[in-house]
PDB file of all heavy atoms in Angstrom:
ATOM      1  N   LEU A   1       0.840  -1.197   0.000  1.00  0.00           N
ATOM      2  CA  LEU A   1       0.000   0.000   0.000  1.00  0.00           C
ATOM      3  C   LEU A   1       0.877   1.249   0.000  1.00  0.00           C
ATOM      4  O   LEU A   1       1.869   1.325   0.723  1.00  0.00           O
ATOM      5  CB  LEU A   1      -0.917   0.005   1.225  1.00  0.00           C
ATOM      6  CG  LEU A   1      -2.005  -1.066   1.278  1.00  0.00           C
ATOM      7  CD1 LEU A   1      -2.768  -0.970   2.594  1.00  0.00           C
ATOM      8  CD2 LEU A   1      -2.956  -0.917   0.116  1.00  0.00           C
ATOM      9  N   SER A   2       0.462   2.228  -0.771  1.00  0.00           N
ATOM     10  CA  SER A   2       1.212   3.480  -0.802  1.00  0.00           C
ATOM     11  C   SER A   2       0.948   4.271   0.481  1.00  0.00           C
ATOM     12  O   SER A   2      -0.026   4.032   1.198  1.00  0.00           O
ATOM     13  CB  SER A   2       0.801   4.311  -2.017  1.00  0.00           C
ATOM     14  OG  SER A   2      -0.558   4.705  -1.912  1.00  0.00           O
ATOM     15  N   LYS A   3       1.809   5.229   0.744  1.00  0.00           N
ATOM     16  CA  LYS A   3       1.661   6.045   1.949  1.00  0.00           C
ATOM     17  C   LYS A   3       0.369   6.866   1.895  1.00  0.00           C
ATOM     18  O   LYS A   3      -0.287   7.068   2.916  1.00  0.00           O
ATOM     19  CB  LYS A   3       2.870   6.967   2.108  1.00  0.00           C
ATOM     20  CG  LYS A   3       4.171   6.230   2.374  1.00  0.00           C
ATOM     21  CD  LYS A   3       5.337   7.192   2.510  1.00  0.00           C
ATOM     22  CE  LYS A   3       6.623   6.438   2.802  1.00  0.00           C
ATOM     23  NZ  LYS A   3       7.782   7.349   2.934  1.00  0.00           N
ATOM     24  N   ALA A   4      -0.003   7.338   0.709  1.00  0.00           N
ATOM     25  CA  ALA A   4      -1.229   8.127   0.576  1.00  0.00           C
ATOM     26  C   ALA A   4      -2.452   7.286   0.932  1.00  0.00           C
ATOM     27  O   ALA A   4      -3.370   7.754   1.627  1.00  0.00           O
ATOM     28  CB  ALA A   4      -1.353   8.660  -0.847  1.00  0.00           C
ATOM     29  N   ILE A   5      -2.477   6.024   0.495  1.00  0.00           N
ATOM     30  CA  ILE A   5      -3.616   5.139   0.801  1.00  0.00           C
ATOM     31  C   ILE A   5      -3.661   4.836   2.288  1.00  0.00           C
ATOM     32  O   ILE A   5      -4.738   4.819   2.913  1.00  0.00           O
ATOM     33  CB  ILE A   5      -3.512   3.844  -0.024  1.00  0.00           C
ATOM     34  CG1 ILE A   5      -3.684   4.152  -1.509  1.00  0.00           C
ATOM     35  CG2 ILE A   5      -4.556   2.829   0.433  1.00  0.00           C
ATOM     36  CD1 ILE A   5      -3.544   2.946  -2.412  1.00  0.00           C
ATOM     37  N   VAL A   6      -2.494   4.592   2.891  1.00  0.00           N
ATOM     38  CA  VAL A   6      -2.451   4.316   4.329  1.00  0.00           C
ATOM     39  C   VAL A   6      -2.991   5.495   5.122  1.00  0.00           C
ATOM     40  O   VAL A   6      -3.787   5.340   6.063  1.00  0.00           O
ATOM     41  CB  VAL A   6      -1.009   3.977   4.770  1.00  0.00           C
ATOM     42  CG1 VAL A   6      -0.919   3.878   6.290  1.00  0.00           C
ATOM     43  CG2 VAL A   6      -0.556   2.673   4.138  1.00  0.00           C
ATOM     44  N   LEU A   7      -2.579   6.717   4.753  1.00  0.00           N
ATOM     45  CA  LEU A   7      -3.060   7.909   5.449  1.00  0.00           C
ATOM     46  C   LEU A   7      -4.568   8.095   5.271  1.00  0.00           C
ATOM     47  O   LEU A   7      -5.287   8.413   6.220  1.00  0.00           O
ATOM     48  CB  LEU A   7      -2.315   9.144   4.946  1.00  0.00           C
ATOM     49  CG  LEU A   7      -0.847   9.289   5.385  1.00  0.00           C
ATOM     50  CD1 LEU A   7      -0.236  10.528   4.756  1.00  0.00           C
ATOM     51  CD2 LEU A   7      -0.729   9.356   6.894  1.00  0.00           C
ATOM     52  N   GLN A   8      -5.080   7.898   4.049  1.00  0.00           N
ATOM     53  CA  GLN A   8      -6.506   8.076   3.795  1.00  0.00           C
ATOM     54  C   GLN A   8      -7.332   7.051   4.561  1.00  0.00           C
ATOM     55  O   GLN A   8      -8.372   7.383   5.158  1.00  0.00           O
ATOM     56  CB  GLN A   8      -6.787   7.950   2.292  1.00  0.00           C
ATOM     57  CG  GLN A   8      -8.231   8.253   1.923  1.00  0.00           C
ATOM     58  CD  GLN A   8      -8.633   9.661   2.321  1.00  0.00           C
ATOM     59  OE1 GLN A   8      -7.942  10.625   2.017  1.00  0.00           O
ATOM     60  NE2 GLN A   8      -9.760   9.791   3.005  1.00  0.00           N
ATOM     61  N   LYS A   9      -6.885   5.805   4.577  1.00  0.00           N
ATOM     62  CA  LYS A   9      -7.599   4.771   5.328  1.00  0.00           C
ATOM     63  C   LYS A   9      -7.546   5.062   6.826  1.00  0.00           C
ATOM     64  O   LYS A   9      -8.511   4.786   7.555  1.00  0.00           O
ATOM     65  CB  LYS A   9      -7.001   3.394   5.021  1.00  0.00           C
ATOM     66  CG  LYS A   9      -7.336   2.869   3.636  1.00  0.00           C
ATOM     67  CD  LYS A   9      -6.765   1.483   3.414  1.00  0.00           C
ATOM     68  CE  LYS A   9      -7.201   0.923   2.060  1.00  0.00           C
ATOM     69  NZ  LYS A   9      -8.644   0.645   2.023  1.00  0.00           N
ATOM     70  N   THR A  10      -6.448   5.603   7.295  1.00  0.00           N
ATOM     71  CA  THR A  10      -6.344   5.963   8.710  1.00  0.00           C
ATOM     72  C   THR A  10      -7.321   7.083   9.057  1.00  0.00           C
ATOM     73  O   THR A  10      -8.003   7.039  10.089  1.00  0.00           O
ATOM     74  CB  THR A  10      -4.905   6.405   9.038  1.00  0.00           C
ATOM     75  OG1 THR A  10      -3.997   5.359   8.698  1.00  0.00           O
ATOM     76  CG2 THR A  10      -4.764   6.724  10.521  1.00  0.00           C
ATOM     77  N   ILE A  11      -7.423   8.091   8.178  1.00  0.00           N
ATOM     78  CA  ILE A  11      -8.370   9.193   8.403  1.00  0.00           C
ATOM     79  C   ILE A  11      -9.804   8.668   8.425  1.00  0.00           C
ATOM     80  O   ILE A  11     -10.608   9.039   9.293  1.00  0.00           O
ATOM     81  CB  ILE A  11      -8.192  10.269   7.320  1.00  0.00           C
ATOM     82  CG1 ILE A  11      -6.827  10.963   7.476  1.00  0.00           C
ATOM     83  CG2 ILE A  11      -9.311  11.302   7.377  1.00  0.00           C
ATOM     84  CD1 ILE A  11      -6.474  11.893   6.340  1.00  0.00           C
ATOM     85  N   ASP A  12     -10.133   7.802   7.460  1.00  0.00           N
ATOM     86  CA  ASP A  12     -11.491   7.238   7.411  1.00  0.00           C
ATOM     87  C   ASP A  12     -11.798   6.439   8.672  1.00  0.00           C
ATOM     88  O   ASP A  12     -12.914   6.513   9.215  1.00  0.00           O
ATOM     89  CB  ASP A  12     -11.632   6.338   6.179  1.00  0.00           C
ATOM     90  CG  ASP A  12     -11.515   7.126   4.880  1.00  0.00           C
ATOM     91  OD1 ASP A  12     -11.719   8.354   4.922  1.00  0.00           O
ATOM     92  OD2 ASP A  12     -11.219   6.510   3.842  1.00  0.00           O
ATOM     93  N   TYR A  13     -10.815   5.699   9.161  1.00  0.00           N
ATOM     94  CA  TYR A  13     -11.033   4.881  10.353  1.00  0.00           C
ATOM     95  C   TYR A  13     -11.220   5.753  11.596  1.00  0.00           C
ATOM     96  O   TYR A  13     -12.061   5.465  12.450  1.00  0.00           O
ATOM     97  CB  TYR A  13      -9.849   3.933  10.544  1.00  0.00           C
ATOM     98  CG  TYR A  13     -10.023   2.956  11.681  1.00  0.00           C
ATOM     99  CD1 TYR A  13     -11.047   2.017  11.666  1.00  0.00           C
ATOM    100  CD2 TYR A  13      -9.148   2.977  12.776  1.00  0.00           C
ATOM    101  CE1 TYR A  13     -11.204   1.122  12.704  1.00  0.00           C
ATOM    102  CE2 TYR A  13      -9.302   2.079  13.803  1.00  0.00           C
ATOM    103  CZ  TYR A  13     -10.332   1.158  13.770  1.00  0.00           C
ATOM    104  OH  TYR A  13     -10.494   0.278  14.810  1.00  0.00           O
ATOM    105  N   ILE A  14     -10.462   6.842  11.696  1.00  0.00           N
ATOM    106  CA  ILE A  14     -10.611   7.763  12.831  1.00  0.00           C
ATOM    107  C   ILE A  14     -11.986   8.420  12.802  1.00  0.00           C
ATOM    108  O   ILE A  14     -12.644   8.568  13.845  1.00  0.00           O
ATOM    109  CB  ILE A  14      -9.485   8.813  12.811  1.00  0.00           C
ATOM    110  CG1 ILE A  14      -8.130   8.159  13.106  1.00  0.00           C
ATOM    111  CG2 ILE A  14      -9.758   9.920  13.825  1.00  0.00           C
ATOM    112  CD1 ILE A  14      -6.956   9.097  12.972  1.00  0.00           C
ATOM    113  N   GLN A  15     -12.444   8.827  11.619  1.00  0.00           N
ATOM    114  CA  GLN A  15     -13.784   9.408  11.508  1.00  0.00           C
ATOM    115  C   GLN A  15     -14.855   8.392  11.901  1.00  0.00           C
ATOM    116  O   GLN A  15     -15.843   8.733  12.566  1.00  0.00           O
ATOM    117  CB  GLN A  15     -14.012   9.901  10.079  1.00  0.00           C
ATOM    118  CG  GLN A  15     -13.161  11.106   9.704  1.00  0.00           C
ATOM    119  CD  GLN A  15     -13.333  11.523   8.257  1.00  0.00           C
ATOM    120  OE1 GLN A  15     -13.897  10.781   7.440  1.00  0.00           O
ATOM    121  NE2 GLN A  15     -12.839  12.703   7.904  1.00  0.00           N
ATOM    122  N   PHE A  16     -14.671   7.145  11.511  1.00  0.00           N
ATOM    123  CA  PHE A  16     -15.610   6.089  11.901  1.00  0.00           C
ATOM    124  C   PHE A  16     -15.639   5.920  13.417  1.00  0.00           C
ATOM    125  O   PHE A  16     -16.704   5.774  14.024  1.00  0.00           O
ATOM    126  CB  PHE A  16     -15.205   4.780  11.219  1.00  0.00           C
ATOM    127  CG  PHE A  16     -15.894   3.576  11.766  1.00  0.00           C
ATOM    128  CD1 PHE A  16     -17.218   3.302  11.449  1.00  0.00           C
ATOM    129  CD2 PHE A  16     -15.223   2.702  12.614  1.00  0.00           C
ATOM    130  CE1 PHE A  16     -17.852   2.180  11.962  1.00  0.00           C
ATOM    131  CE2 PHE A  16     -15.851   1.592  13.121  1.00  0.00           C
ATOM    132  CZ  PHE A  16     -17.173   1.327  12.808  1.00  0.00           C
ATOM    133  N   LEU A  17     -14.464   5.969  14.051  1.00  0.00           N
ATOM    134  CA  LEU A  17     -14.405   5.834  15.508  1.00  0.00           C
ATOM    135  C   LEU A  17     -15.097   7.008  16.201  1.00  0.00           C
ATOM    136  O   LEU A  17     -15.757   6.822  17.231  1.00  0.00           O
ATOM    137  CB  LEU A  17     -12.944   5.738  15.965  1.00  0.00           C
ATOM    138  CG  LEU A  17     -12.199   4.459  15.569  1.00  0.00           C
ATOM    139  CD1 LEU A  17     -10.754   4.523  16.064  1.00  0.00           C
ATOM    140  CD2 LEU A  17     -12.876   3.225  16.137  1.00  0.00           C
ATOM    141  N   HIS A  18     -14.948   8.210  15.641  1.00  0.00           N
ATOM    142  CA  HIS A  18     -15.628   9.378  16.219  1.00  0.00           C
ATOM    143  C   HIS A  18     -17.144   9.213  16.153  1.00  0.00           C
ATOM    144  O   HIS A  18     -17.862   9.532  17.117  1.00  0.00           O
ATOM    145  CB  HIS A  18     -15.204  10.646  15.474  1.00  0.00           C
ATOM    146  CG  HIS A  18     -13.894  11.218  15.948  1.00  0.00           C
ATOM    147  ND1 HIS A  18     -13.687  11.655  17.238  1.00  0.00           N
ATOM    148  CD2 HIS A  18     -12.716  11.421  15.303  1.00  0.00           C
ATOM    149  CE1 HIS A  18     -12.453  12.106  17.366  1.00  0.00           C
ATOM    150  NE2 HIS A  18     -11.838  11.964  16.208  1.00  0.00           N
ATOM    151  N   LYS A  19     -17.652   8.713  15.014  1.00  0.00           N
ATOM    152  CA  LYS A  19     -19.090   8.493  14.889  1.00  0.00           C
ATOM    153  C   LYS A  19     -19.576   7.437  15.870  1.00  0.00           C
ATOM    154  O   LYS A  19     -20.638   7.580  16.495  1.00  0.00           O
ATOM    155  CB  LYS A  19     -19.423   8.077  13.453  1.00  0.00           C
ATOM    156  CG  LYS A  19     -19.232   9.184  12.435  1.00  0.00           C
ATOM    157  CD  LYS A  19     -19.586   8.710  11.036  1.00  0.00           C
ATOM    158  CE  LYS A  19     -19.386   9.812  10.011  1.00  0.00           C
ATOM    159  NZ  LYS A  19     -19.697   9.351   8.624  1.00  0.00           N
ATOM    160  N   GLU A  20     -18.801   6.366  16.021  1.00  0.00           N
ATOM    161  CA  GLU A  20     -19.171   5.315  16.963  1.00  0.00           C
ATOM    162  C   GLU A  20     -19.168   5.842  18.397  1.00  0.00           C
ATOM    163  O   GLU A  20     -20.042   5.495  19.202  1.00  0.00           O
ATOM    164  CB  GLU A  20     -18.190   4.137  16.835  1.00  0.00           C
ATOM    165  CG  GLU A  20     -18.372   3.322  15.575  1.00  0.00           C
ATOM    166  CD  GLU A  20     -19.719   2.617  15.535  1.00  0.00           C
ATOM    167  OE1 GLU A  20     -20.102   2.027  16.555  1.00  0.00           O
ATOM    168  OE2 GLU A  20     -20.399   2.694  14.492  1.00  0.00           O
ATOM    169  N   LYS A  21     -18.196   6.687  18.713  1.00  0.00           N
ATOM    170  CA  LYS A  21     -18.136   7.261  20.052  1.00  0.00           C
ATOM    171  C   LYS A  21     -19.355   8.126  20.327  1.00  0.00           C
ATOM    172  O   LYS A  21     -19.960   8.057  21.409  1.00  0.00           O
ATOM    173  CB  LYS A  21     -16.857   8.084  20.201  1.00  0.00           C
ATOM    174  CG  LYS A  21     -16.699   8.730  21.578  1.00  0.00           C
ATOM    175  CD  LYS A  21     -15.462   9.602  21.638  1.00  0.00           C
ATOM    176  CE  LYS A  21     -15.356  10.291  22.982  1.00  0.00           C
ATOM    177  NZ  LYS A  21     -14.192  11.211  23.045  1.00  0.00           N
ATOM    178  N   LYS A  22     -19.739   8.964  19.342  1.00  0.00           N
ATOM    179  CA  LYS A  22     -20.918   9.811  19.508  1.00  0.00           C
ATOM    180  C   LYS A  22     -22.173   8.970  19.666  1.00  0.00           C
ATOM    181  O   LYS A  22     -23.047   9.275  20.510  1.00  0.00           O
ATOM    182  CB  LYS A  22     -21.048  10.742  18.294  1.00  0.00           C
ATOM    183  CG  LYS A  22     -22.182  11.745  18.419  1.00  0.00           C
ATOM    184  CD  LYS A  22     -22.221  12.673  17.221  1.00  0.00           C
ATOM    185  CE  LYS A  22     -23.355  13.686  17.362  1.00  0.00           C
ATOM    186  NZ  LYS A  22     -23.408  14.609  16.191  1.00  0.00           N
ATOM    187  N   LYS A  23     -22.277   7.892  18.897  1.00  0.00           N
ATOM    188  CA  LYS A  23     -23.438   7.010  18.999  1.00  0.00           C
ATOM    189  C   LYS A  23     -23.509   6.357  20.373  1.00  0.00           C
ATOM    190  O   LYS A  23     -24.579   6.266  20.991  1.00  0.00           O
ATOM    191  CB  LYS A  23     -23.354   5.941  17.909  1.00  0.00           C
ATOM    192  CG  LYS A  23     -24.528   4.989  17.882  1.00  0.00           C
ATOM    193  CD  LYS A  23     -24.372   3.988  16.754  1.00  0.00           C
ATOM    194  CE  LYS A  23     -25.523   2.997  16.753  1.00  0.00           C
ATOM    195  NZ  LYS A  23     -25.367   1.990  15.658  1.00  0.00           N
ATOM    196  N   GLN A  24     -22.373   5.919  20.885  1.00  0.00           N
ATOM    197  CA  GLN A  24     -22.343   5.298  22.212  1.00  0.00           C
ATOM    198  C   GLN A  24     -22.683   6.310  23.301  1.00  0.00           C
ATOM    199  O   GLN A  24     -23.360   5.967  24.275  1.00  0.00           O
ATOM    200  CB  GLN A  24     -20.965   4.686  22.457  1.00  0.00           C
ATOM    201  CG  GLN A  24     -20.672   3.474  21.596  1.00  0.00           C
ATOM    202  CD  GLN A  24     -19.287   2.909  21.829  1.00  0.00           C
ATOM    203  OE1 GLN A  24     -18.497   3.470  22.612  1.00  0.00           O
ATOM    204  NE2 GLN A  24     -18.965   1.824  21.165  1.00  0.00           N
ATOM    205  N   GLU A  25     -22.210   7.552  23.141  1.00  0.00           N
ATOM    206  CA  GLU A  25     -22.550   8.580  24.126  1.00  0.00           C
ATOM    207  C   GLU A  25     -24.057   8.836  24.149  1.00  0.00           C
ATOM    208  O   GLU A  25     -24.639   9.037  25.231  1.00  0.00           O
ATOM    209  CB  GLU A  25     -21.790   9.868  23.812  1.00  0.00           C
ATOM    210  CG  GLU A  25     -20.290   9.778  24.087  1.00  0.00           C
ATOM    211  CD  GLU A  25     -19.565  11.039  23.662  1.00  0.00           C
ATOM    212  OE1 GLU A  25     -20.203  11.886  22.980  1.00  0.00           O
ATOM    213  OE2 GLU A  25     -18.371  11.180  24.002  1.00  0.00           O
ATOM    214  N   GLU A  26     -24.702   8.839  22.973  1.00  0.00           N
ATOM    215  CA  GLU A  26     -26.147   9.027  22.926  1.00  0.00           C
ATOM    216  C   GLU A  26     -26.869   7.851  23.582  1.00  0.00           C
ATOM    217  O   GLU A  26     -27.866   8.039  24.294  1.00  0.00           O
ATOM    218  CB  GLU A  26     -26.598   9.173  21.472  1.00  0.00           C
ATOM    219  CG  GLU A  26     -26.121  10.469  20.820  1.00  0.00           C
ATOM    220  CD  GLU A  26     -26.492  10.554  19.348  1.00  0.00           C
ATOM    221  OE1 GLU A  26     -27.010   9.534  18.823  1.00  0.00           O
ATOM    222  OE2 GLU A  26     -26.282  11.605  18.726  1.00  0.00           O
ATOM    223  N   GLU A  27     -26.378   6.631  23.358  1.00  0.00           N
ATOM    224  CA  GLU A  27     -26.986   5.462  23.981  1.00  0.00           C
ATOM    225  C   GLU A  27     -26.831   5.515  25.504  1.00  0.00           C
ATOM    226  O   GLU A  27     -27.763   5.167  26.247  1.00  0.00           O
ATOM    227  CB  GLU A  27     -26.346   4.193  23.430  1.00  0.00           C
ATOM    228  CG  GLU A  27     -26.676   3.919  21.962  1.00  0.00           C
ATOM    229  CD  GLU A  27     -25.978   2.688  21.440  1.00  0.00           C
ATOM    230  OE1 GLU A  27     -25.160   2.106  22.189  1.00  0.00           O
ATOM    231  OE2 GLU A  27     -26.250   2.290  20.289  1.00  0.00           O
ATOM    232  N   VAL A  28     -25.659   5.958  25.963  1.00  0.00           N
ATOM    233  CA  VAL A  28     -25.442   6.082  27.407  1.00  0.00           C
ATOM    234  C   VAL A  28     -26.397   7.108  28.006  1.00  0.00           C
ATOM    235  O   VAL A  28     -26.961   6.908  29.089  1.00  0.00           O
ATOM    236  CB  VAL A  28     -23.968   6.464  27.690  1.00  0.00           C
ATOM    237  CG1 VAL A  28     -23.782   6.845  29.150  1.00  0.00           C
ATOM    238  CG2 VAL A  28     -23.044   5.309  27.348  1.00  0.00           C
ATOM    239  N   SER A  29     -26.595   8.236  27.296  1.00  0.00           N
ATOM    240  CA  SER A  29     -27.519   9.260  27.781  1.00  0.00           C
ATOM    241  C   SER A  29     -28.939   8.712  27.871  1.00  0.00           C
ATOM    242  O   SER A  29     -29.656   8.972  28.852  1.00  0.00           O
ATOM    243  CB  SER A  29     -27.471  10.473  26.847  1.00  0.00           C
ATOM    244  OG  SER A  29     -28.385  11.465  27.260  1.00  0.00           O
ATOM    245  N   THR A  30     -29.354   7.943  26.858  1.00  0.00           N
ATOM    246  CA  THR A  30     -30.687   7.344  26.880  1.00  0.00           C
ATOM    247  C   THR A  30     -30.838   6.365  28.035  1.00  0.00           C
ATOM    248  O   THR A  30     -31.862   6.336  28.742  1.00  0.00           O
ATOM    249  CB  THR A  30     -30.973   6.628  25.552  1.00  0.00           C
ATOM    250  OG1 THR A  30     -30.848   7.570  24.479  1.00  0.00           O
ATOM    251  CG2 THR A  30     -32.366   6.031  25.533  1.00  0.00           C
ATOM    252  N   LEU A  31     -29.809   5.562  28.259  1.00  0.00           N
ATOM    253  CA  LEU A  31     -29.856   4.599  29.365  1.00  0.00           C
ATOM    254  C   LEU A  31     -29.910   5.297  30.716  1.00  0.00           C
ATOM    255  O   LEU A  31     -30.594   4.831  31.639  1.00  0.00           O
ATOM    256  CB  LEU A  31     -28.643   3.675  29.294  1.00  0.00           C
ATOM    257  CG  LEU A  31     -28.611   2.689  28.112  1.00  0.00           C
ATOM    258  CD1 LEU A  31     -27.293   1.940  28.075  1.00  0.00           C
ATOM    259  CD2 LEU A  31     -29.770   1.713  28.204  1.00  0.00           C
ATOM    260  N   ARG A  32     -29.220   6.416  30.833  1.00  0.00           N
ATOM    261  CA  ARG A  32     -29.265   7.161  32.096  1.00  0.00           C
ATOM    262  C   ARG A  32     -30.675   7.695  32.352  1.00  0.00           C
ATOM    263  O   ARG A  32     -31.150   7.673  33.497  1.00  0.00           O
ATOM    264  CB  ARG A  32     -28.261   8.308  32.048  1.00  0.00           C
ATOM    265  CG  ARG A  32     -26.807   7.861  32.195  1.00  0.00           C
ATOM    266  CD  ARG A  32     -25.852   9.030  32.073  1.00  0.00           C
ATOM    267  NE  ARG A  32     -24.478   8.592  32.270  1.00  0.00           N
ATOM    268  CZ  ARG A  32     -23.416   9.385  32.078  1.00  0.00           C
ATOM    269  NH1 ARG A  32     -23.604  10.656  31.699  1.00  0.00           N
ATOM    270  NH2 ARG A  32     -22.193   8.920  32.266  1.00  0.00           N
ATOM    271  N   LYS A  33     -31.343   8.169  31.291  1.00  0.00           N
ATOM    272  CA  LYS A  33     -32.721   8.632  31.451  1.00  0.00           C
ATOM    273  C   LYS A  33     -33.629   7.481  31.867  1.00  0.00           C
ATOM    274  O   LYS A  33     -34.509   7.647  32.721  1.00  0.00           O
ATOM    275  CB  LYS A  33     -33.213   9.262  30.149  1.00  0.00           C
ATOM    276  CG  LYS A  33     -32.525  10.567  29.790  1.00  0.00           C
ATOM    277  CD  LYS A  33     -33.064  11.125  28.485  1.00  0.00           C
ATOM    278  CE  LYS A  33     -32.368  12.429  28.118  1.00  0.00           C
ATOM    279  NZ  LYS A  33     -32.855  12.982  26.819  1.00  0.00           N
ATOM    280  N   ASP A  34     -33.417   6.317  31.258  1.00  0.00           N
ATOM    281  CA  ASP A  34     -34.225   5.153  31.622  1.00  0.00           C
ATOM    282  C   ASP A  34     -33.997   4.758  33.082  1.00  0.00           C
ATOM    283  O   ASP A  34     -34.944   4.409  33.800  1.00  0.00           O
ATOM    284  CB  ASP A  34     -33.885   3.976  30.709  1.00  0.00           C
ATOM    285  CG  ASP A  34     -34.315   4.220  29.265  1.00  0.00           C
ATOM    286  OD1 ASP A  34     -35.158   5.113  29.065  1.00  0.00           O
ATOM    287  OD2 ASP A  34     -33.807   3.530  28.365  1.00  0.00           O
ATOM    288  N   VAL A  35     -32.751   4.816  33.511  1.00  0.00           N
ATOM    289  CA  VAL A  35     -32.440   4.482  34.910  1.00  0.00           C
ATOM    290  C   VAL A  35     -33.117   5.465  35.851  1.00  0.00           C
ATOM    291  O   VAL A  35     -33.676   5.068  36.891  1.00  0.00           O
ATOM    292  CB  VAL A  35     -30.906   4.475  35.120  1.00  0.00           C
ATOM    293  CG1 VAL A  35     -30.576   4.386  36.605  1.00  0.00           C
ATOM    294  CG2 VAL A  35     -30.274   3.310  34.371  1.00  0.00           C
TER     295      VAL A  35
END
């Protein structure tokens, strides 16, 4: 893999992790309301 592809895939993966983190935070907030 070229360095450009490695960097782009790394950026995409970090953005995916940010979205997953936000989704989990929303789920935690919902669970706290339920509790």
